C-alpha cells in the first residue's frame, strides 16, 4: 500500500531543413574533397510528470497527482529552434580515406523543462533538475577503402558523453 509510481515523459516532433554542399577550393582532382552541411530544426516538445500511490494503483484509479513543476497542467509544451553542423573530407591519392565530424545541437533548441527530481512530490524545488534531451554532442568518424569493395570505419559517438549516449562503433564490409 505504501508503494508509489513516479512517471514522467518527454516527447517532441520537429520539422527539419537541411542543406549540404561540396566546398570548392581547388581544381586539382587529387586534392581532398571537402563538404559541409547544416540542419535547422523547428521543434515542439511536450512534458508531463505525475505520481500515483499504491492505493490508487490497486483501486484502478484513472487519476494521478501532478508534480510541482506542472503548475496544475497535465502537460507543458514549448517551441524552439536548433541547428546541427557536419563536415566531411575525402582524401588520399584515390580519395579512399575519409573523415567526418558532426556537431549535434550546435545551437541547442530551448525546449527544456525546469523540473523536480523523481519522488519530490510535495517538497521538490522546481528547477533542481532540467529535462532536455538536446545537449550539444560531437561525433567523429574515420574510414578507408583499403581495396576494391573492402571498407573499414571507426566512429566515436557523443565524444564527451554530454547526451549520455557515448559509443564506439567499428565495422568492415
N, C-alpha and C. Protein backbone atom coordinates (compact mmCIF):
# COMPACT_ATOMS: atom_id res chain seq x y z
N UNK A 1 0.83 -1.19 0.00
CA UNK A 1 0.00 0.00 0.00
C UNK A 1 0.88 1.25 0.00
N UNK A 2 2.07 1.21 0.58
CA UNK A 2 2.93 2.37 0.63
C UNK A 2 3.68 2.61 -0.67
N UNK A 3 3.42 1.80 -1.68
CA UNK A 3 4.13 1.96 -2.94
C UNK A 3 3.62 3.17 -3.70
N UNK A 4 4.49 3.69 -4.55
CA UNK A 4 4.11 4.83 -5.39
C UNK A 4 4.82 4.69 -6.72
N UNK A 5 4.21 5.24 -7.72
CA UNK A 5 4.80 5.25 -9.07
C UNK A 5 5.02 6.71 -9.46
N UNK A 6 6.22 7.00 -9.87
CA UNK A 6 6.60 8.34 -10.30
C UNK A 6 6.91 8.23 -11.79
N UNK A 7 6.14 8.87 -12.62
CA UNK A 7 6.38 8.77 -14.05
C UNK A 7 6.45 10.12 -14.72
N UNK A 8 7.43 10.25 -15.61
CA UNK A 8 7.46 11.47 -16.41
C UNK A 8 7.74 11.08 -17.85
N UNK A 9 7.31 11.91 -18.74
CA UNK A 9 7.53 11.65 -20.15
C UNK A 9 7.91 12.93 -20.87
N UNK A 10 8.73 12.76 -21.89
CA UNK A 10 9.16 13.89 -22.70
C UNK A 10 9.07 13.44 -24.15
N UNK A 11 8.38 14.17 -24.95
CA UNK A 11 8.27 13.85 -26.37
C UNK A 11 8.39 15.11 -27.19
N UNK A 12 8.63 14.93 -28.47
CA UNK A 12 8.74 16.10 -29.34
C UNK A 12 8.52 15.68 -30.78
N UNK A 13 8.27 16.64 -31.61
CA UNK A 13 8.31 16.45 -33.05
C UNK A 13 9.04 17.64 -33.64
N UNK A 14 9.59 17.43 -34.82
CA UNK A 14 10.35 18.52 -35.43
C UNK A 14 10.11 18.55 -36.93
N UNK A 15 10.31 19.71 -37.47
CA UNK A 15 10.35 19.92 -38.92
C UNK A 15 11.78 20.35 -39.21
N UNK A 16 12.45 19.58 -40.07
CA UNK A 16 13.87 19.79 -40.32
C UNK A 16 14.10 20.30 -41.74
N UNK A 17 15.06 21.20 -41.85
CA UNK A 17 15.51 21.72 -43.13
C UNK A 17 17.02 21.53 -43.17
N UNK A 18 17.50 20.82 -44.19
CA UNK A 18 18.93 20.53 -44.24
C UNK A 18 19.49 20.88 -45.62
N UNK A 19 20.77 21.27 -45.60
CA UNK A 19 21.47 21.58 -46.85
C UNK A 19 22.94 21.22 -46.68
N UNK A 20 23.48 20.57 -47.68
CA UNK A 20 24.90 20.25 -47.69
C UNK A 20 25.47 20.51 -49.07
N UNK A 21 26.78 20.78 -49.10
CA UNK A 21 27.38 21.09 -50.39
C UNK A 21 28.88 20.86 -50.32
N UNK A 22 29.44 20.49 -51.45
CA UNK A 22 30.89 20.38 -51.56
C UNK A 22 31.49 21.78 -51.52
N UNK A 23 32.62 21.90 -50.85
CA UNK A 23 33.30 23.20 -50.74
C UNK A 23 34.35 23.28 -51.85
N UNK A 24 34.12 24.09 -52.88
CA UNK A 24 35.08 24.19 -53.98
C UNK A 24 36.26 25.07 -53.59
N UNK A 25 37.44 24.49 -53.54
CA UNK A 25 38.62 25.29 -53.21
C UNK A 25 39.79 24.99 -54.13
N UNK A 26 39.70 23.89 -54.90
CA UNK A 26 40.80 23.52 -55.78
C UNK A 26 40.24 22.75 -56.97
N UNK A 27 40.90 22.89 -58.12
CA UNK A 27 40.50 22.12 -59.30
C UNK A 27 41.38 20.90 -59.50
N UNK A 28 42.34 20.69 -58.62
CA UNK A 28 43.23 19.54 -58.70
C UNK A 28 42.47 18.30 -58.22
N UNK A 29 42.28 17.28 -59.08
CA UNK A 29 41.48 16.11 -58.69
C UNK A 29 42.09 15.28 -57.56
N UNK A 30 43.36 15.46 -57.25
CA UNK A 30 43.95 14.68 -56.15
C UNK A 30 43.87 15.41 -54.81
N UNK A 31 43.45 16.67 -54.81
CA UNK A 31 43.28 17.39 -53.55
C UNK A 31 42.08 16.81 -52.79
N UNK A 32 42.09 16.93 -51.50
CA UNK A 32 40.94 16.43 -50.73
C UNK A 32 39.63 17.08 -51.17
N UNK A 33 38.57 16.30 -51.07
CA UNK A 33 37.23 16.82 -51.35
C UNK A 33 36.59 17.13 -50.00
N UNK A 34 36.17 18.36 -49.81
CA UNK A 34 35.58 18.81 -48.56
C UNK A 34 34.11 19.14 -48.76
N UNK A 35 33.29 18.75 -47.79
CA UNK A 35 31.87 19.05 -47.85
C UNK A 35 31.39 19.46 -46.46
N UNK A 36 30.35 20.28 -46.42
CA UNK A 36 29.77 20.70 -45.16
C UNK A 36 28.26 20.74 -45.28
N UNK A 37 27.61 20.59 -44.15
CA UNK A 37 26.15 20.62 -44.15
C UNK A 37 25.61 21.24 -42.87
N UNK A 38 24.38 21.72 -42.96
CA UNK A 38 23.72 22.35 -41.83
C UNK A 38 22.27 21.88 -41.81
N UNK A 39 21.77 21.59 -40.61
CA UNK A 39 20.37 21.22 -40.46
C UNK A 39 19.75 22.15 -39.43
N UNK A 40 18.64 22.78 -39.78
CA UNK A 40 17.85 23.59 -38.86
C UNK A 40 16.62 22.80 -38.48
N UNK A 41 16.28 22.83 -37.18
CA UNK A 41 15.14 22.06 -36.68
C UNK A 41 14.19 22.98 -35.92
N UNK A 42 12.95 23.01 -36.33
CA UNK A 42 11.90 23.68 -35.56
C UNK A 42 11.23 22.59 -34.73
N UNK A 43 11.28 22.73 -33.40
CA UNK A 43 10.87 21.65 -32.50
C UNK A 43 9.74 22.12 -31.59
N UNK A 44 8.79 21.23 -31.38
CA UNK A 44 7.75 21.41 -30.36
C UNK A 44 7.87 20.24 -29.40
N UNK A 45 8.02 20.53 -28.12
CA UNK A 45 8.19 19.47 -27.13
C UNK A 45 7.02 19.43 -26.15
N UNK A 46 6.86 18.26 -25.53
CA UNK A 46 5.81 18.03 -24.54
C UNK A 46 6.41 17.29 -23.35
N UNK A 47 5.96 17.67 -22.15
CA UNK A 47 6.48 17.08 -20.92
C UNK A 47 5.34 16.88 -19.94
N UNK A 48 5.41 15.77 -19.19
CA UNK A 48 4.46 15.54 -18.12
C UNK A 48 5.16 14.77 -17.00
N UNK A 49 4.82 15.07 -15.76
CA UNK A 49 5.40 14.41 -14.59
C UNK A 49 4.27 14.23 -13.57
N UNK A 50 3.93 12.95 -13.27
CA UNK A 50 2.81 12.66 -12.40
C UNK A 50 3.14 11.52 -11.45
N UNK A 51 2.37 11.43 -10.37
CA UNK A 51 2.55 10.40 -9.34
C UNK A 51 1.24 9.66 -9.11
N UNK A 52 1.32 8.39 -8.79
CA UNK A 52 0.18 7.63 -8.27
C UNK A 52 0.69 6.82 -7.09
N UNK A 53 -0.17 6.60 -6.12
CA UNK A 53 0.24 5.81 -4.96
C UNK A 53 -0.31 4.39 -5.07
N UNK A 54 0.10 3.54 -4.15
CA UNK A 54 -0.29 2.14 -4.17
C UNK A 54 -1.79 1.94 -4.11
N UNK A 55 -2.47 2.71 -3.31
CA UNK A 55 -3.93 2.58 -3.19
C UNK A 55 -4.60 2.92 -4.51
N UNK A 56 -4.14 4.00 -5.17
CA UNK A 56 -4.71 4.36 -6.47
C UNK A 56 -4.49 3.24 -7.48
N UNK A 57 -3.30 2.64 -7.47
CA UNK A 57 -2.99 1.57 -8.41
C UNK A 57 -3.89 0.36 -8.14
N UNK A 58 -4.02 -0.05 -6.87
CA UNK A 58 -4.84 -1.21 -6.51
C UNK A 58 -6.30 -0.98 -6.88
N UNK A 59 -6.78 0.23 -6.67
CA UNK A 59 -8.18 0.55 -6.97
C UNK A 59 -8.43 0.85 -8.45
N UNK A 60 -7.37 0.84 -9.26
CA UNK A 60 -7.53 1.10 -10.70
C UNK A 60 -7.92 2.53 -11.00
N UNK A 61 -7.51 3.45 -10.16
CA UNK A 61 -7.86 4.86 -10.36
C UNK A 61 -7.29 5.38 -11.67
N UNK A 62 -7.99 6.28 -12.28
CA UNK A 62 -7.53 6.89 -13.52
C UNK A 62 -7.03 8.31 -13.28
N UNK A 63 -6.86 8.66 -12.01
CA UNK A 63 -6.35 9.99 -11.66
C UNK A 63 -4.94 9.86 -11.11
N UNK A 64 -4.25 10.96 -11.08
CA UNK A 64 -2.89 10.99 -10.56
C UNK A 64 -2.65 12.35 -9.92
N UNK A 65 -1.50 12.48 -9.26
CA UNK A 65 -1.10 13.75 -8.67
C UNK A 65 -0.02 14.36 -9.54
N UNK A 66 -0.19 15.60 -9.89
CA UNK A 66 0.78 16.28 -10.73
C UNK A 66 2.00 16.71 -9.92
N UNK A 67 3.17 16.61 -10.51
CA UNK A 67 4.40 17.09 -9.87
C UNK A 67 4.34 18.61 -9.75
N UNK A 68 5.10 19.19 -8.83
CA UNK A 68 5.02 20.65 -8.61
C UNK A 68 5.28 21.49 -9.86
N UNK A 69 6.20 21.05 -10.74
CA UNK A 69 6.53 21.87 -11.91
C UNK A 69 5.40 21.93 -12.93
N UNK A 70 4.39 21.07 -12.78
CA UNK A 70 3.30 21.05 -13.75
C UNK A 70 2.33 22.22 -13.55
N UNK A 71 2.37 22.88 -12.39
CA UNK A 71 1.51 24.04 -12.10
C UNK A 71 0.05 23.79 -12.46
N UNK A 72 -0.44 22.58 -12.17
CA UNK A 72 -1.84 22.24 -12.43
C UNK A 72 -2.14 21.79 -13.84
N UNK A 73 -1.17 21.76 -14.74
CA UNK A 73 -1.40 21.35 -16.13
C UNK A 73 -0.97 19.89 -16.31
N UNK A 74 -1.67 19.16 -17.17
CA UNK A 74 -1.29 17.77 -17.46
C UNK A 74 -0.02 17.71 -18.31
N UNK A 75 0.18 18.70 -19.17
CA UNK A 75 1.39 18.74 -20.00
C UNK A 75 1.93 20.16 -20.05
N UNK A 76 3.23 20.25 -20.28
CA UNK A 76 3.89 21.52 -20.54
C UNK A 76 4.48 21.39 -21.94
N UNK A 77 4.28 22.40 -22.77
CA UNK A 77 4.85 22.34 -24.11
C UNK A 77 5.67 23.61 -24.36
N UNK A 78 6.64 23.47 -25.24
CA UNK A 78 7.45 24.63 -25.62
C UNK A 78 7.95 24.45 -27.04
N UNK A 79 8.34 25.55 -27.64
CA UNK A 79 8.86 25.57 -29.00
C UNK A 79 10.29 26.07 -28.99
N UNK A 80 11.09 25.58 -29.93
CA UNK A 80 12.47 26.04 -30.04
C UNK A 80 13.04 25.72 -31.41
N UNK A 81 14.17 26.33 -31.69
CA UNK A 81 14.87 26.10 -32.95
C UNK A 81 16.29 25.69 -32.62
N UNK A 82 16.78 24.65 -33.28
CA UNK A 82 18.14 24.19 -33.08
C UNK A 82 18.85 24.00 -34.40
N UNK A 83 20.15 23.79 -34.34
CA UNK A 83 20.93 23.60 -35.56
C UNK A 83 22.03 22.57 -35.33
N UNK A 84 22.26 21.74 -36.33
CA UNK A 84 23.34 20.76 -36.36
C UNK A 84 24.29 21.13 -37.50
N UNK A 85 25.55 20.73 -37.35
CA UNK A 85 26.54 21.01 -38.38
C UNK A 85 27.34 19.75 -38.65
N UNK A 86 27.69 19.53 -39.92
CA UNK A 86 28.52 18.39 -40.27
C UNK A 86 29.58 18.77 -41.29
N UNK A 87 30.69 18.05 -41.23
CA UNK A 87 31.81 18.29 -42.13
C UNK A 87 32.35 16.93 -42.56
N UNK A 88 32.67 16.78 -43.85
CA UNK A 88 33.18 15.52 -44.39
C UNK A 88 34.37 15.81 -45.29
N UNK A 89 35.39 14.97 -45.21
CA UNK A 89 36.56 15.11 -46.09
C UNK A 89 36.90 13.75 -46.67
N UNK A 90 37.20 13.72 -47.94
CA UNK A 90 37.71 12.53 -48.62
C UNK A 90 39.09 12.90 -49.15
N UNK A 91 40.10 12.08 -48.83
CA UNK A 91 41.46 12.44 -49.21
C UNK A 91 42.24 11.18 -49.56
N UNK A 92 43.49 11.36 -49.91
CA UNK A 92 44.34 10.27 -50.41
C UNK A 92 44.45 10.37 -51.92
N UNK A 93 45.38 9.63 -52.49
CA UNK A 93 45.58 9.72 -53.94
C UNK A 93 44.34 9.30 -54.72
N UNK A 94 43.55 8.41 -54.16
CA UNK A 94 42.30 7.98 -54.80
C UNK A 94 41.08 8.43 -54.01
N UNK A 95 41.30 9.37 -53.08
CA UNK A 95 40.23 9.82 -52.18
C UNK A 95 39.59 8.62 -51.48
N UNK A 96 40.44 7.72 -51.03
CA UNK A 96 39.94 6.49 -50.43
C UNK A 96 40.03 6.51 -48.89
N UNK A 97 40.36 7.66 -48.32
CA UNK A 97 40.34 7.84 -46.87
C UNK A 97 39.31 8.92 -46.55
N UNK A 98 38.62 8.74 -45.45
CA UNK A 98 37.50 9.62 -45.13
C UNK A 98 37.55 10.04 -43.66
N UNK A 99 37.06 11.22 -43.39
CA UNK A 99 36.89 11.69 -42.02
C UNK A 99 35.63 12.55 -41.99
N UNK A 100 34.91 12.45 -40.90
CA UNK A 100 33.69 13.23 -40.76
C UNK A 100 33.54 13.70 -39.31
N UNK A 101 32.99 14.88 -39.17
CA UNK A 101 32.71 15.48 -37.88
C UNK A 101 31.27 15.93 -37.90
N UNK A 102 30.56 15.63 -36.83
CA UNK A 102 29.18 16.10 -36.71
C UNK A 102 29.02 16.73 -35.33
N UNK A 103 28.43 17.91 -35.29
CA UNK A 103 28.10 18.55 -34.03
C UNK A 103 26.58 18.62 -33.97
N UNK A 104 26.02 17.74 -33.15
CA UNK A 104 24.56 17.73 -32.97
C UNK A 104 24.20 18.80 -31.94
N UNK A 105 23.18 19.54 -32.25
CA UNK A 105 22.71 20.62 -31.37
C UNK A 105 23.80 21.66 -31.13
N UNK A 106 24.47 22.02 -32.22
CA UNK A 106 25.44 23.13 -32.15
C UNK A 106 24.74 24.36 -31.56
N UNK A 107 23.53 24.57 -32.01
CA UNK A 107 22.63 25.54 -31.39
C UNK A 107 21.52 24.71 -30.75
N UNK A 108 21.59 24.48 -29.44
CA UNK A 108 20.58 23.63 -28.80
C UNK A 108 19.21 24.31 -28.77
N UNK A 109 18.16 23.58 -29.12
CA UNK A 109 16.82 24.17 -29.03
C UNK A 109 16.44 24.38 -27.56
N UNK A 110 15.87 25.51 -27.26
CA UNK A 110 15.50 25.81 -25.87
C UNK A 110 14.11 25.24 -25.59
N UNK A 111 14.08 23.93 -25.43
CA UNK A 111 12.82 23.23 -25.18
C UNK A 111 12.91 22.38 -23.91
N UNK A 112 13.81 22.73 -23.02
CA UNK A 112 13.95 22.01 -21.76
C UNK A 112 12.89 22.45 -20.76
N UNK A 113 12.76 21.65 -19.71
CA UNK A 113 11.77 21.92 -18.67
C UNK A 113 12.49 21.98 -17.32
N UNK A 114 12.27 23.04 -16.57
CA UNK A 114 12.76 23.12 -15.19
C UNK A 114 11.88 22.19 -14.37
N UNK A 115 12.47 21.12 -13.84
CA UNK A 115 11.69 20.06 -13.22
C UNK A 115 12.14 19.80 -11.79
N UNK A 116 11.44 18.88 -11.15
CA UNK A 116 11.81 18.38 -9.83
C UNK A 116 12.37 16.98 -10.00
N UNK A 117 13.17 16.56 -9.03
CA UNK A 117 13.70 15.20 -9.05
C UNK A 117 12.56 14.20 -8.83
N UNK A 118 12.75 12.95 -9.30
CA UNK A 118 11.73 11.93 -9.03
C UNK A 118 11.45 11.81 -7.54
N UNK A 119 10.21 11.55 -7.21
CA UNK A 119 9.69 11.37 -5.85
C UNK A 119 9.65 12.65 -5.04
N UNK A 120 9.94 13.81 -5.62
CA UNK A 120 9.79 15.08 -4.92
C UNK A 120 8.36 15.59 -5.12
N UNK A 121 7.43 14.79 -4.65
CA UNK A 121 6.03 15.07 -4.93
C UNK A 121 5.54 16.35 -4.26
N UNK A 122 5.95 16.59 -3.03
CA UNK A 122 5.45 17.78 -2.33
C UNK A 122 6.56 18.74 -1.93
N UNK A 123 7.79 18.24 -1.75
CA UNK A 123 8.85 19.11 -1.26
C UNK A 123 9.84 19.49 -2.36
N UNK A 124 9.60 19.06 -3.58
CA UNK A 124 10.54 19.32 -4.66
C UNK A 124 10.68 20.80 -4.96
N UNK A 125 11.88 21.16 -5.37
CA UNK A 125 12.16 22.53 -5.77
C UNK A 125 12.18 22.57 -7.29
N UNK A 126 11.30 23.33 -7.86
CA UNK A 126 11.25 23.43 -9.32
C UNK A 126 12.57 24.01 -9.81
N UNK A 127 13.18 23.34 -10.76
CA UNK A 127 14.45 23.77 -11.31
C UNK A 127 15.64 23.06 -10.72
N UNK A 128 15.40 22.10 -9.78
CA UNK A 128 16.54 21.37 -9.22
C UNK A 128 17.15 20.42 -10.25
N UNK A 129 16.44 20.18 -11.33
CA UNK A 129 16.97 19.45 -12.47
C UNK A 129 16.32 20.00 -13.73
N UNK A 130 16.90 19.72 -14.87
CA UNK A 130 16.33 20.14 -16.15
C UNK A 130 16.18 18.91 -17.03
N UNK A 131 15.03 18.77 -17.64
CA UNK A 131 14.79 17.68 -18.58
C UNK A 131 14.92 18.27 -19.98
N UNK A 132 15.96 17.86 -20.70
CA UNK A 132 16.19 18.35 -22.06
C UNK A 132 17.13 17.38 -22.76
N UNK A 133 16.63 16.61 -23.74
CA UNK A 133 17.49 15.65 -24.43
C UNK A 133 18.39 16.25 -25.51
N UNK A 134 18.45 17.56 -25.62
CA UNK A 134 19.17 18.19 -26.72
C UNK A 134 20.48 18.83 -26.29
N UNK A 135 21.34 18.05 -25.66
CA UNK A 135 22.68 18.53 -25.31
C UNK A 135 23.52 18.64 -26.58
N UNK A 136 24.53 19.51 -26.57
CA UNK A 136 25.46 19.60 -27.68
C UNK A 136 26.39 18.39 -27.64
N UNK A 137 26.41 17.62 -28.73
CA UNK A 137 27.20 16.39 -28.79
C UNK A 137 28.08 16.40 -30.03
N UNK A 138 29.27 15.83 -29.90
CA UNK A 138 30.22 15.76 -31.01
C UNK A 138 30.45 14.31 -31.39
N UNK A 139 30.34 14.02 -32.67
CA UNK A 139 30.62 12.69 -33.23
C UNK A 139 31.77 12.84 -34.22
N UNK A 140 32.65 11.84 -34.25
CA UNK A 140 33.80 11.86 -35.15
C UNK A 140 33.96 10.48 -35.75
N UNK A 141 34.19 10.41 -37.04
CA UNK A 141 34.38 9.13 -37.70
C UNK A 141 35.50 9.19 -38.73
N UNK A 142 36.15 8.06 -38.90
CA UNK A 142 37.18 7.91 -39.94
C UNK A 142 36.94 6.57 -40.64
N UNK A 143 37.34 6.52 -41.89
CA UNK A 143 37.17 5.29 -42.65
C UNK A 143 38.13 5.24 -43.82
N UNK A 144 38.18 4.08 -44.43
CA UNK A 144 39.07 3.91 -45.59
C UNK A 144 38.53 2.79 -46.47
N UNK A 145 38.75 2.96 -47.76
CA UNK A 145 38.55 1.88 -48.72
C UNK A 145 39.94 1.32 -48.97
N UNK A 146 40.22 0.15 -48.39
CA UNK A 146 41.57 -0.42 -48.45
C UNK A 146 41.83 -1.18 -49.74
N UNK A 147 40.81 -1.74 -50.30
CA UNK A 147 40.89 -2.45 -51.58
C UNK A 147 39.50 -2.36 -52.20
N UNK A 148 39.40 -2.65 -53.47
CA UNK A 148 38.11 -2.55 -54.14
C UNK A 148 37.09 -3.42 -53.39
N UNK A 149 36.05 -2.78 -52.89
CA UNK A 149 35.00 -3.50 -52.18
C UNK A 149 35.31 -3.82 -50.74
N UNK A 150 36.42 -3.33 -50.16
CA UNK A 150 36.73 -3.59 -48.76
C UNK A 150 36.90 -2.27 -48.02
N UNK A 151 35.94 -1.98 -47.14
CA UNK A 151 35.90 -0.73 -46.40
C UNK A 151 35.99 -0.99 -44.90
N UNK A 152 36.64 -0.09 -44.17
CA UNK A 152 36.70 -0.15 -42.72
C UNK A 152 36.33 1.23 -42.17
N UNK A 153 35.77 1.25 -40.96
CA UNK A 153 35.38 2.52 -40.36
C UNK A 153 35.39 2.42 -38.84
N UNK A 154 35.65 3.56 -38.20
CA UNK A 154 35.58 3.70 -36.74
C UNK A 154 34.87 5.02 -36.46
N UNK A 155 33.88 4.97 -35.59
CA UNK A 155 33.12 6.16 -35.23
C UNK A 155 33.09 6.32 -33.72
N UNK A 156 33.34 7.51 -33.24
CA UNK A 156 33.14 7.86 -31.84
C UNK A 156 31.90 8.72 -31.75
N UNK A 157 30.89 8.24 -31.03
CA UNK A 157 29.61 8.93 -30.93
C UNK A 157 29.51 9.61 -29.57
N UNK A 158 29.08 10.86 -29.55
CA UNK A 158 28.91 11.64 -28.32
C UNK A 158 30.20 11.62 -27.50
N UNK A 159 31.27 12.14 -28.08
CA UNK A 159 32.61 12.01 -27.51
C UNK A 159 32.73 12.49 -26.07
N UNK A 160 32.07 13.52 -25.68
CA UNK A 160 32.15 13.99 -24.30
C UNK A 160 31.08 13.40 -23.39
N UNK A 161 30.26 12.51 -23.93
CA UNK A 161 29.14 11.88 -23.22
C UNK A 161 28.18 12.93 -22.64
N UNK A 162 28.04 14.03 -23.34
CA UNK A 162 27.14 15.11 -22.87
C UNK A 162 25.68 14.71 -22.96
N UNK A 163 25.36 13.83 -23.93
CA UNK A 163 23.99 13.38 -24.09
C UNK A 163 23.74 12.00 -23.49
N UNK A 164 24.69 11.50 -22.72
CA UNK A 164 24.59 10.19 -22.09
C UNK A 164 24.36 9.09 -23.14
N UNK A 165 25.04 9.21 -24.28
CA UNK A 165 24.85 8.24 -25.36
C UNK A 165 26.18 7.85 -26.02
N UNK A 166 27.26 7.93 -25.28
CA UNK A 166 28.59 7.68 -25.83
C UNK A 166 28.73 6.24 -26.34
N UNK A 167 29.31 6.12 -27.52
CA UNK A 167 29.54 4.81 -28.14
C UNK A 167 30.82 4.84 -28.97
N UNK A 168 31.40 3.68 -29.15
CA UNK A 168 32.48 3.47 -30.11
C UNK A 168 32.00 2.40 -31.05
N UNK A 169 31.95 2.72 -32.34
CA UNK A 169 31.47 1.78 -33.36
C UNK A 169 32.61 1.48 -34.32
N UNK A 170 32.75 0.22 -34.68
CA UNK A 170 33.75 -0.20 -35.65
C UNK A 170 33.09 -1.17 -36.62
N UNK A 171 33.55 -1.13 -37.85
CA UNK A 171 32.97 -2.06 -38.82
C UNK A 171 33.81 -2.19 -40.06
N UNK A 172 33.50 -3.24 -40.78
CA UNK A 172 34.16 -3.50 -42.06
C UNK A 172 33.14 -4.16 -42.97
N UNK A 173 33.27 -3.91 -44.25
CA UNK A 173 32.46 -4.63 -45.24
C UNK A 173 33.24 -4.82 -46.50
